[in-house]
Amino acid sequence: ERNFDVTLPKCKLKGGNEYSMNLIKTNL
């Protein structure tokens, strides 16, 4: 369950938000 009082941390591991963004940029 999501706790909206806390901001999602940055995650560079596989599947993480930072990893996925880099993957999308690479694909583009």
PDB file of all heavy atoms in Angstrom:
ATOM      1  N   GLU A   1       0.854  -1.193   0.000  1.00  0.00           N
ATOM      2  CA  GLU A   1       0.000   0.000   0.000  1.00  0.00           C
ATOM      3  C   GLU A   1       0.888   1.240   0.000  1.00  0.00           C
ATOM      4  O   GLU A   1       1.842   1.331   0.776  1.00  0.00           O
ATOM      5  CB  GLU A   1      -0.913   0.003   1.226  1.00  0.00           C
ATOM      6  CG  GLU A   1      -1.947   1.141   1.177  1.00  0.00           C
ATOM      7  CD  GLU A   1      -2.933   1.043   2.335  1.00  0.00           C
ATOM      8  OE1 GLU A   1      -2.489   1.192   3.488  1.00  0.00           O
ATOM      9  OE2 GLU A   1      -4.133   0.812   2.083  1.00  0.00           O
ATOM     10  N   ARG A   2       0.535   2.179  -0.843  1.00  0.00           N
ATOM     11  CA  ARG A   2       1.352   3.400  -1.011  1.00  0.00           C
ATOM     12  C   ARG A   2       1.128   4.357   0.140  1.00  0.00           C
ATOM     13  O   ARG A   2      -0.008   4.623   0.555  1.00  0.00           O
ATOM     14  CB  ARG A   2       0.959   4.077  -2.335  1.00  0.00           C
ATOM     15  CG  ARG A   2       1.683   5.380  -2.631  1.00  0.00           C
ATOM     16  CD  ARG A   2       3.073   5.135  -3.170  1.00  0.00           C
ATOM     17  NE  ARG A   2       3.626   6.356  -3.719  1.00  0.00           N
ATOM     18  CZ  ARG A   2       4.352   7.231  -3.020  1.00  0.00           C
ATOM     19  NH1 ARG A   2       4.608   7.023  -1.746  1.00  0.00           N
ATOM     20  NH2 ARG A   2       4.818   8.315  -3.611  1.00  0.00           N
ATOM     21  N   ASN A   3       2.233   4.915   0.651  1.00  0.00           N
ATOM     22  CA  ASN A   3       2.196   5.962   1.659  1.00  0.00           C
ATOM     23  C   ASN A   3       2.505   7.289   0.962  1.00  0.00           C
ATOM     24  O   ASN A   3       3.652   7.598   0.675  1.00  0.00           O
ATOM     25  CB  ASN A   3       3.224   5.674   2.752  1.00  0.00           C
ATOM     26  CG  ASN A   3       3.228   6.746   3.831  1.00  0.00           C
ATOM     27  OD1 ASN A   3       2.361   7.631   3.852  1.00  0.00           O
ATOM     28  ND2 ASN A   3       4.212   6.708   4.718  1.00  0.00           N
ATOM     29  N   PHE A   4       1.452   8.082   0.672  1.00  0.00           N
ATOM     30  CA  PHE A   4       1.627   9.301  -0.126  1.00  0.00           C
ATOM     31  C   PHE A   4       2.280  10.443   0.657  1.00  0.00           C
ATOM     32  O   PHE A   4       2.594  11.483   0.078  1.00  0.00           O
ATOM     33  CB  PHE A   4       0.282   9.751  -0.701  1.00  0.00           C
ATOM     34  CG  PHE A   4      -0.241   8.826  -1.777  1.00  0.00           C
ATOM     35  CD1 PHE A   4      -1.272   7.952  -1.512  1.00  0.00           C
ATOM     36  CD2 PHE A   4       0.309   8.845  -3.042  1.00  0.00           C
ATOM     37  CE1 PHE A   4      -1.756   7.099  -2.490  1.00  0.00           C
ATOM     38  CE2 PHE A   4      -0.162   7.999  -4.038  1.00  0.00           C
ATOM     39  CZ  PHE A   4      -1.196   7.106  -3.771  1.00  0.00           C
ATOM     40  N   ASP A   5       2.474  10.259   1.951  1.00  0.00           N
ATOM     41  CA  ASP A   5       3.186  11.266   2.745  1.00  0.00           C
ATOM     42  C   ASP A   5       4.695  11.209   2.504  1.00  0.00           C
ATOM     43  O   ASP A   5       5.419  12.133   2.885  1.00  0.00           O
ATOM     44  CB  ASP A   5       2.900  11.052   4.247  1.00  0.00           C
ATOM     45  CG  ASP A   5       1.432  11.288   4.586  1.00  0.00           C
ATOM     46  OD1 ASP A   5       0.803  12.116   3.887  1.00  0.00           O
ATOM     47  OD2 ASP A   5       0.917  10.639   5.510  1.00  0.00           O
ATOM     48  N   VAL A   6       5.122  10.126   1.904  1.00  0.00           N
ATOM     49  CA  VAL A   6       6.557   9.941   1.645  1.00  0.00           C
ATOM     50  C   VAL A   6       6.802   9.920   0.132  1.00  0.00           C
ATOM     51  O   VAL A   6       6.104   9.226  -0.613  1.00  0.00           O
ATOM     52  CB  VAL A   6       7.072   8.616   2.269  1.00  0.00           C
ATOM     53  CG1 VAL A   6       8.547   8.406   1.943  1.00  0.00           C
ATOM     54  CG2 VAL A   6       6.835   8.615   3.774  1.00  0.00           C
ATOM     55  N   THR A   7       7.785  10.711  -0.304  1.00  0.00           N
ATOM     56  CA  THR A   7       8.132  10.747  -1.732  1.00  0.00           C
ATOM     57  C   THR A   7       8.878   9.471  -2.112  1.00  0.00           C
ATOM     58  O   THR A   7       9.692   8.964  -1.343  1.00  0.00           O
ATOM     59  CB  THR A   7       9.043  11.959  -2.032  1.00  0.00           C
ATOM     60  OG1 THR A   7       8.395  13.143  -1.569  1.00  0.00           O
ATOM     61  CG2 THR A   7       9.322  12.079  -3.524  1.00  0.00           C
ATOM     62  N   LEU A   8       8.562   8.985  -3.293  1.00  0.00           N
ATOM     63  CA  LEU A   8       9.260   7.785  -3.776  1.00  0.00           C
ATOM     64  C   LEU A   8      10.762   8.058  -3.904  1.00  0.00           C
ATOM     65  O   LEU A   8      11.165   9.058  -4.502  1.00  0.00           O
ATOM     66  CB  LEU A   8       8.728   7.366  -5.149  1.00  0.00           C
ATOM     67  CG  LEU A   8       7.543   6.400  -5.189  1.00  0.00           C
ATOM     68  CD1 LEU A   8       7.072   6.235  -6.632  1.00  0.00           C
ATOM     69  CD2 LEU A   8       7.900   5.054  -4.602  1.00  0.00           C
ATOM     70  N   PRO A   9      11.584   7.218  -3.319  1.00  0.00           N
ATOM     71  CA  PRO A   9      13.037   7.421  -3.449  1.00  0.00           C
ATOM     72  C   PRO A   9      13.518   7.129  -4.870  1.00  0.00           C
ATOM     73  O   PRO A   9      12.817   6.494  -5.641  1.00  0.00           O
ATOM     74  CB  PRO A   9      13.613   6.399  -2.449  1.00  0.00           C
ATOM     75  CG  PRO A   9      12.577   5.334  -2.350  1.00  0.00           C
ATOM     76  CD  PRO A   9      11.253   6.015  -2.541  1.00  0.00           C
ATOM     77  N   LYS A  10      14.719   7.620  -5.169  1.00  0.00           N
ATOM     78  CA  LYS A  10      15.321   7.327  -6.470  1.00  0.00           C
ATOM     79  C   LYS A  10      15.961   5.943  -6.415  1.00  0.00           C
ATOM     80  O   LYS A  10      16.621   5.602  -5.434  1.00  0.00           O
ATOM     81  CB  LYS A  10      16.393   8.370  -6.822  1.00  0.00           C
ATOM     82  CG  LYS A  10      15.881   9.800  -6.882  1.00  0.00           C
ATOM     83  CD  LYS A  10      14.926   9.998  -8.036  1.00  0.00           C
ATOM     84  CE  LYS A  10      14.436  11.443  -8.117  1.00  0.00           C
ATOM     85  NZ  LYS A  10      13.432  11.622  -9.178  1.00  0.00           N
ATOM     86  N   CYS A  11      15.738   5.175  -7.450  1.00  0.00           N
ATOM     87  CA  CYS A  11      16.289   3.821  -7.488  1.00  0.00           C
ATOM     88  C   CYS A  11      16.932   3.555  -8.846  1.00  0.00           C
ATOM     89  O   CYS A  11      16.262   3.591  -9.878  1.00  0.00           O
ATOM     90  CB  CYS A  11      15.190   2.795  -7.205  1.00  0.00           C
ATOM     91  SG  CYS A  11      15.771   1.100  -7.197  1.00  0.00           S
ATOM     92  N   LYS A  12      18.234   3.278  -8.831  1.00  0.00           N
ATOM     93  CA  LYS A  12      18.968   3.023 -10.069  1.00  0.00           C
ATOM     94  C   LYS A  12      19.082   1.531 -10.379  1.00  0.00           C
ATOM     95  O   LYS A  12      19.628   1.155 -11.408  1.00  0.00           O
ATOM     96  CB  LYS A  12      20.373   3.626  -9.972  1.00  0.00           C
ATOM     97  CG  LYS A  12      20.372   5.146  -9.904  1.00  0.00           C
ATOM     98  CD  LYS A  12      21.781   5.696  -9.881  1.00  0.00           C
ATOM     99  CE  LYS A  12      21.759   7.217  -9.825  1.00  0.00           C
ATOM    100  NZ  LYS A  12      23.137   7.777  -9.804  1.00  0.00           N
ATOM    101  N   LEU A  13      18.556   0.718  -9.488  1.00  0.00           N
ATOM    102  CA  LEU A  13      18.594  -0.728  -9.713  1.00  0.00           C
ATOM    103  C   LEU A  13      17.620  -1.131 -10.815  1.00  0.00           C
ATOM    104  O   LEU A  13      16.716  -0.361 -11.163  1.00  0.00           O
ATOM    105  CB  LEU A  13      18.255  -1.471  -8.419  1.00  0.00           C
ATOM    106  CG  LEU A  13      19.216  -1.230  -7.247  1.00  0.00           C
ATOM    107  CD1 LEU A  13      18.644  -1.816  -5.972  1.00  0.00           C
ATOM    108  CD2 LEU A  13      20.582  -1.841  -7.536  1.00  0.00           C
ATOM    109  N   LYS A  14      17.766  -2.333 -11.336  1.00  0.00           N
ATOM    110  CA  LYS A  14      16.908  -2.797 -12.430  1.00  0.00           C
ATOM    111  C   LYS A  14      15.438  -2.727 -12.056  1.00  0.00           C
ATOM    112  O   LYS A  14      15.028  -3.270 -11.044  1.00  0.00           O
ATOM    113  CB  LYS A  14      17.275  -4.234 -12.818  1.00  0.00           C
ATOM    114  CG  LYS A  14      18.545  -4.327 -13.637  1.00  0.00           C
ATOM    115  CD  LYS A  14      18.757  -5.733 -14.155  1.00  0.00           C
ATOM    116  CE  LYS A  14      19.997  -5.782 -15.041  1.00  0.00           C
ATOM    117  NZ  LYS A  14      20.232  -7.143 -15.576  1.00  0.00           N
ATOM    118  N   GLY A  15      14.661  -2.030 -12.894  1.00  0.00           N
ATOM    119  CA  GLY A  15      13.236  -1.854 -12.626  1.00  0.00           C
ATOM    120  C   GLY A  15      12.922  -0.556 -11.920  1.00  0.00           C
ATOM    121  O   GLY A  15      11.799  -0.074 -11.947  1.00  0.00           O
ATOM    122  N   GLY A  16      13.924   0.052 -11.275  1.00  0.00           N
ATOM    123  CA  GLY A  16      13.724   1.298 -10.540  1.00  0.00           C
ATOM    124  C   GLY A  16      13.403   2.474 -11.440  1.00  0.00           C
ATOM    125  O   GLY A  16      13.588   2.408 -12.660  1.00  0.00           O
ATOM    126  N   ASN A  17      12.922   3.598 -10.839  1.00  0.00           N
ATOM    127  CA  ASN A  17      12.513   4.763 -11.641  1.00  0.00           C
ATOM    128  C   ASN A  17      13.677   5.398 -12.419  1.00  0.00           C
ATOM    129  O   ASN A  17      13.528   5.789 -13.566  1.00  0.00           O
ATOM    130  CB  ASN A  17      11.801   5.802 -10.769  1.00  0.00           C
ATOM    131  CG  ASN A  17      12.478   5.996  -9.423  1.00  0.00           C
ATOM    132  OD1 ASN A  17      13.648   5.652  -9.244  1.00  0.00           O
ATOM    133  ND2 ASN A  17      11.743   6.531  -8.459  1.00  0.00           N
ATOM    134  N   GLU A  18      14.835   5.502 -11.765  1.00  0.00           N
ATOM    135  CA  GLU A  18      15.999   6.080 -12.456  1.00  0.00           C
ATOM    136  C   GLU A  18      16.489   5.150 -13.568  1.00  0.00           C
ATOM    137  O   GLU A  18      16.822   5.593 -14.658  1.00  0.00           O
ATOM    138  CB  GLU A  18      17.142   6.313 -11.451  1.00  0.00           C
ATOM    139  CG  GLU A  18      16.875   7.432 -10.458  1.00  0.00           C
ATOM    140  CD  GLU A  18      16.936   8.801 -11.114  1.00  0.00           C
ATOM    141  OE1 GLU A  18      17.980   9.142 -11.680  1.00  0.00           O
ATOM    142  OE2 GLU A  18      15.928   9.519 -11.084  1.00  0.00           O
ATOM    143  N   TYR A  19      16.502   3.869 -13.272  1.00  0.00           N
ATOM    144  CA  TYR A  19      16.928   2.871 -14.260  1.00  0.00           C
ATOM    145  C   TYR A  19      15.993   2.890 -15.465  1.00  0.00           C
ATOM    146  O   TYR A  19      16.440   2.888 -16.610  1.00  0.00           O
ATOM    147  CB  TYR A  19      16.920   1.473 -13.623  1.00  0.00           C
ATOM    148  CG  TYR A  19      17.175   0.344 -14.596  1.00  0.00           C
ATOM    149  CD1 TYR A  19      18.474  -0.039 -14.922  1.00  0.00           C
ATOM    150  CD2 TYR A  19      16.110  -0.334 -15.190  1.00  0.00           C
ATOM    151  CE1 TYR A  19      18.703  -1.068 -15.827  1.00  0.00           C
ATOM    152  CE2 TYR A  19      16.341  -1.363 -16.094  1.00  0.00           C
ATOM    153  CZ  TYR A  19      17.632  -1.737 -16.399  1.00  0.00           C
ATOM    154  OH  TYR A  19      17.846  -2.760 -17.288  1.00  0.00           O
ATOM    155  N   SER A  20      14.686   2.928 -15.207  1.00  0.00           N
ATOM    156  CA  SER A  20      13.692   2.892 -16.286  1.00  0.00           C
ATOM    157  C   SER A  20      13.784   4.133 -17.167  1.00  0.00           C
ATOM    158  O   SER A  20      13.659   4.053 -18.389  1.00  0.00           O
ATOM    159  CB  SER A  20      12.287   2.768 -15.702  1.00  0.00           C
ATOM    160  OG  SER A  20      12.181   1.590 -14.927  1.00  0.00           O
ATOM    161  N   MET A  21      14.010   5.309 -16.545  1.00  0.00           N
ATOM    162  CA  MET A  21      14.132   6.548 -17.316  1.00  0.00           C
ATOM    163  C   MET A  21      15.337   6.489 -18.240  1.00  0.00           C
ATOM    164  O   MET A  21      15.271   6.885 -19.404  1.00  0.00           O
ATOM    165  CB  MET A  21      14.250   7.756 -16.379  1.00  0.00           C
ATOM    166  CG  MET A  21      12.946   8.150 -15.701  1.00  0.00           C
ATOM    167  SD  MET A  21      11.613   8.537 -16.882  1.00  0.00           S
ATOM    168  CE  MET A  21      12.294   9.992 -17.672  1.00  0.00           C
ATOM    169  N   ASN A  22      16.456   5.997 -17.698  1.00  0.00           N
ATOM    170  CA  ASN A  22      17.667   5.870 -18.513  1.00  0.00           C
ATOM    171  C   ASN A  22      17.457   4.883 -19.651  1.00  0.00           C
ATOM    172  O   ASN A  22      17.944   5.077 -20.762  1.00  0.00           O
ATOM    173  CB  ASN A  22      18.853   5.411 -17.649  1.00  0.00           C
ATOM    174  CG  ASN A  22      19.298   6.493 -16.677  1.00  0.00           C
ATOM    175  OD1 ASN A  22      19.118   7.676 -16.939  1.00  0.00           O
ATOM    176  ND2 ASN A  22      19.861   6.094 -15.555  1.00  0.00           N
ATOM    177  N   LEU A  23      16.707   3.825 -19.344  1.00  0.00           N
ATOM    178  CA  LEU A  23      16.411   2.812 -20.359  1.00  0.00           C
ATOM    179  C   LEU A  23      15.563   3.403 -21.482  1.00  0.00           C
ATOM    180  O   LEU A  23      15.807   3.158 -22.667  1.00  0.00           O
ATOM    181  CB  LEU A  23      15.684   1.631 -19.713  1.00  0.00           C
ATOM    182  CG  LEU A  23      15.657   0.319 -20.482  1.00  0.00           C
ATOM    183  CD1 LEU A  23      17.067  -0.240 -20.626  1.00  0.00           C
ATOM    184  CD2 LEU A  23      14.775  -0.698 -19.790  1.00  0.00           C
ATOM    185  N   ILE A  24      14.561   4.207 -21.102  1.00  0.00           N
ATOM    186  CA  ILE A  24      13.676   4.856 -22.090  1.00  0.00           C
ATOM    187  C   ILE A  24      14.485   5.813 -22.967  1.00  0.00           C
ATOM    188  O   ILE A  24      14.334   5.838 -24.181  1.00  0.00           O
ATOM    189  CB  ILE A  24      12.522   5.605 -21.389  1.00  0.00           C
ATOM    190  CG1 ILE A  24      11.541   4.595 -20.778  1.00  0.00           C
ATOM    191  CG2 ILE A  24      11.789   6.519 -22.358  1.00  0.00           C
ATOM    192  CD1 ILE A  24      10.569   5.190 -19.791  1.00  0.00           C
ATOM    193  N   LYS A  25      15.365   6.613 -22.320  1.00  0.00           N
ATOM    194  CA  LYS A  25      16.201   7.555 -23.077  1.00  0.00           C
ATOM    195  C   LYS A  25      17.095   6.809 -24.059  1.00  0.00           C
ATOM    196  O   LYS A  25      17.269   7.217 -25.213  1.00  0.00           O
ATOM    197  CB  LYS A  25      17.060   8.377 -22.119  1.00  0.00           C
ATOM    198  CG  LYS A  25      16.279   9.442 -21.368  1.00  0.00           C
ATOM    199  CD  LYS A  25      17.177  10.161 -20.375  1.00  0.00           C
ATOM    200  CE  LYS A  25      16.367  11.175 -19.556  1.00  0.00           C
ATOM    201  NZ  LYS A  25      17.204  11.814 -18.520  1.00  0.00           N
ATOM    202  N   THR A  26      17.662   5.710 -23.587  1.00  0.00           N
ATOM    203  CA  THR A  26      18.529   4.894 -24.455  1.00  0.00           C
ATOM    204  C   THR A  26      17.753   4.358 -25.637  1.00  0.00           C
ATOM    205  O   THR A  26      18.215   4.410 -26.784  1.00  0.00           O
ATOM    206  CB  THR A  26      19.126   3.715 -23.653  1.00  0.00           C
ATOM    207  OG1 THR A  26      19.816   4.234 -22.516  1.00  0.00           O
ATOM    208  CG2 THR A  26      20.106   2.917 -24.506  1.00  0.00           C
ATOM    209  N   ASN A  27      16.544   3.854 -25.368  1.00  0.00           N
ATOM    210  CA  ASN A  27      15.697   3.311 -26.432  1.00  0.00           C
ATOM    211  C   ASN A  27      15.319   4.378 -27.445  1.00  0.00           C
ATOM    212  O   ASN A  27      15.288   4.133 -28.649  1.00  0.00           O
ATOM    213  CB  ASN A  27      14.434   2.681 -25.852  1.00  0.00           C
ATOM    214  CG  ASN A  27      14.726   1.363 -25.154  1.00  0.00           C
ATOM    215  OD1 ASN A  27      15.727   0.725 -25.440  1.00  0.00           O
ATOM    216  ND2 ASN A  27      13.871   0.958 -24.245  1.00  0.00           N
ATOM    217  N   LEU A  28      15.012   5.597 -26.930  1.00  0.00           N
ATOM    218  CA  LEU A  28      14.651   6.701 -27.824  1.00  0.00           C
ATOM    219  C   LEU A  28      15.822   7.082 -28.716  1.00  0.00           C
ATOM    220  O   LEU A  28      15.656   7.329 -29.913  1.00  0.00           O
ATOM    221  CB  LEU A  28      14.199   7.917 -27.006  1.00  0.00           C
ATOM    222  CG  LEU A  28      12.800   7.827 -26.380  1.00  0.00           C
ATOM    223  CD1 LEU A  28      12.567   9.001 -25.445  1.00  0.00           C
ATOM    224  CD2 LEU A  28      11.719   7.799 -27.450  1.00  0.00           C
TER     225      LEU A  28
END
